[in-house]
């Protein structure tokens, strides 16, 4: 079963402004090149609460889920 890219793109819209800005840049730069596996990892990561996700992206809380680390790395790029 393939993942619906449009749905995942929509889930990247976040209530926390800082995250919304990070995801806007990510969507423009990286989203269209994601493999199905990366997309599945992103979809799983997007289930996190905004403040938890922001803490992983800004480095104040390390990501403890190995398969999310690649996505956190992409999101953290400036």
C-alpha atoms as a PDB file:
ATOM      1  CA  UNK A   1       0.000   0.000   0.000  1.00  0.00           C
ATOM      2  CA  UNK A   2       1.472   3.337  -0.987  1.00  0.00           C
ATOM      3  CA  UNK A   3       1.358   6.409   1.210  1.00  0.00           C
ATOM      4  CA  UNK A   4      -0.726   9.364   0.101  1.00  0.00           C
ATOM      5  CA  UNK A   5       1.824  12.164  -0.421  1.00  0.00           C
ATOM      6  CA  UNK A   6      -0.872  14.836  -0.441  1.00  0.00           C
ATOM      7  CA  UNK A   7      -2.121  13.735   2.971  1.00  0.00           C
ATOM      8  CA  UNK A   8       1.399  13.717   4.425  1.00  0.00           C
ATOM      9  CA  UNK A   9       2.078  17.158   2.911  1.00  0.00           C
ATOM     10  CA  UNK A  10      -1.101  18.439   4.599  1.00  0.00           C
ATOM     11  CA  UNK A  11      -0.026  16.910   7.941  1.00  0.00           C
ATOM     12  CA  UNK A  12       3.192  18.956   7.708  1.00  0.00           C
ATOM     13  CA  UNK A  13       1.119  22.061   8.427  1.00  0.00           C
ATOM     14  CA  UNK A  14       1.689  22.684  12.123  1.00  0.00           C
ATOM     15  CA  UNK A  15       0.111  24.947  14.728  1.00  0.00           C
ATOM     16  CA  UNK A  16       3.498  25.951  16.158  1.00  0.00           C
ATOM     17  CA  UNK A  17       4.845  28.784  13.990  1.00  0.00           C
ATOM     18  CA  UNK A  18       8.484  27.698  14.284  1.00  0.00           C
ATOM     19  CA  UNK A  19       7.617  24.212  13.060  1.00  0.00           C
ATOM     20  CA  UNK A  20       5.394  25.532  10.306  1.00  0.00           C
ATOM     21  CA  UNK A  21       8.348  27.569   8.995  1.00  0.00           C
ATOM     22  CA  UNK A  22      10.688  24.564   9.221  1.00  0.00           C
ATOM     23  CA  UNK A  23       8.207  22.376   7.354  1.00  0.00           C
ATOM     24  CA  UNK A  24       7.593  25.026   4.680  1.00  0.00           C
ATOM     25  CA  UNK A  25      11.321  25.019   3.889  1.00  0.00           C
ATOM     26  CA  UNK A  26      11.462  21.209   4.054  1.00  0.00           C
ATOM     27  CA  UNK A  27       8.481  20.807   1.716  1.00  0.00           C
ATOM     28  CA  UNK A  28      10.066  23.112  -0.834  1.00  0.00           C
ATOM     29  CA  UNK A  29      13.543  21.595  -0.629  1.00  0.00           C
ATOM     30  CA  UNK A  30      13.214  17.889   0.206  1.00  0.00           C
ATOM     31  CA  UNK A  31       9.671  16.510   0.200  1.00  0.00           C
ATOM     32  CA  UNK A  32       9.359  15.583  -3.475  1.00  0.00           C
ATOM     33  CA  UNK A  33      12.575  13.519  -3.313  1.00  0.00           C
ATOM     34  CA  UNK A  34      11.542  11.321  -0.363  1.00  0.00           C
ATOM     35  CA  UNK A  35      11.475   7.575  -0.905  1.00  0.00           C
ATOM     36  CA  UNK A  36       8.436   5.563   0.210  1.00  0.00           C
ATOM     37  CA  UNK A  37      10.382   4.439   3.296  1.00  0.00           C
ATOM     38  CA  UNK A  38      11.308   8.007   4.207  1.00  0.00           C
ATOM     39  CA  UNK A  39       7.721   9.078   3.645  1.00  0.00           C
ATOM     40  CA  UNK A  40       6.516   6.343   6.022  1.00  0.00           C
ATOM     41  CA  UNK A  41       9.023   7.520   8.654  1.00  0.00           C
ATOM     42  CA  UNK A  42       7.858  11.117   8.205  1.00  0.00           C
ATOM     43  CA  UNK A  43       4.213  10.106   8.511  1.00  0.00           C
ATOM     44  CA  UNK A  44       5.015   8.330  11.782  1.00  0.00           C
ATOM     45  CA  UNK A  45       7.055  11.284  13.061  1.00  0.00           C
ATOM     46  CA  UNK A  46       4.185  13.659  12.333  1.00  0.00           C
ATOM     47  CA  UNK A  47       2.105  11.894  14.992  1.00  0.00           C
ATOM     48  CA  UNK A  48       4.260  13.638  17.636  1.00  0.00           C
ATOM     49  CA  UNK A  49       2.939  16.660  19.468  1.00  0.00           C
ATOM     50  CA  UNK A  50       4.286  19.944  18.102  1.00  0.00           C
ATOM     51  CA  UNK A  51       6.339  20.828  21.187  1.00  0.00           C
ATOM     52  CA  UNK A  52       7.973  17.376  21.262  1.00  0.00           C
ATOM     53  CA  UNK A  53       8.706  17.548  17.550  1.00  0.00           C
ATOM     54  CA  UNK A  54      10.107  21.081  17.843  1.00  0.00           C
ATOM     55  CA  UNK A  55      12.402  19.982  20.678  1.00  0.00           C
ATOM     56  CA  UNK A  56      13.858  17.249  18.440  1.00  0.00           C
ATOM     57  CA  UNK A  57      14.236  19.596  15.465  1.00  0.00           C
ATOM     58  CA  UNK A  58      15.946  22.358  17.445  1.00  0.00           C
ATOM     59  CA  UNK A  59      18.184  19.876  19.273  1.00  0.00           C
ATOM     60  CA  UNK A  60      16.994  20.574  22.804  1.00  0.00           C
ATOM     61  CA  UNK A  61      15.733  16.979  23.091  1.00  0.00           C
ATOM     62  CA  UNK A  62      17.537  14.206  21.205  1.00  0.00           C
ATOM     63  CA  UNK A  63      15.552  11.991  18.887  1.00  0.00           C
ATOM     64  CA  UNK A  64      15.442   8.525  20.439  1.00  0.00           C
ATOM     65  CA  UNK A  65      13.745   6.745  17.528  1.00  0.00           C
ATOM     66  CA  UNK A  66      16.447   5.632  15.112  1.00  0.00           C
ATOM     67  CA  UNK A  67      14.259   5.610  12.031  1.00  0.00           C
ATOM     68  CA  UNK A  68      13.204   9.241  12.634  1.00  0.00           C
ATOM     69  CA  UNK A  69      16.751  10.574  12.839  1.00  0.00           C
ATOM     70  CA  UNK A  70      17.134  11.026   9.085  1.00  0.00           C
ATOM     71  CA  UNK A  71      13.935  13.105   8.918  1.00  0.00           C
ATOM     72  CA  UNK A  72      14.960  15.163  11.952  1.00  0.00           C
ATOM     73  CA  UNK A  73      18.275  15.809  10.177  1.00  0.00           C
ATOM     74  CA  UNK A  74      16.502  17.026   7.042  1.00  0.00           C
ATOM     75  CA  UNK A  75      14.156  19.205   9.072  1.00  0.00           C
ATOM     76  CA  UNK A  76      17.038  20.681  11.065  1.00  0.00           C
ATOM     77  CA  UNK A  77      18.933  21.895   7.991  1.00  0.00           C
ATOM     78  CA  UNK A  78      19.011  25.633   7.581  1.00  0.00           C
END
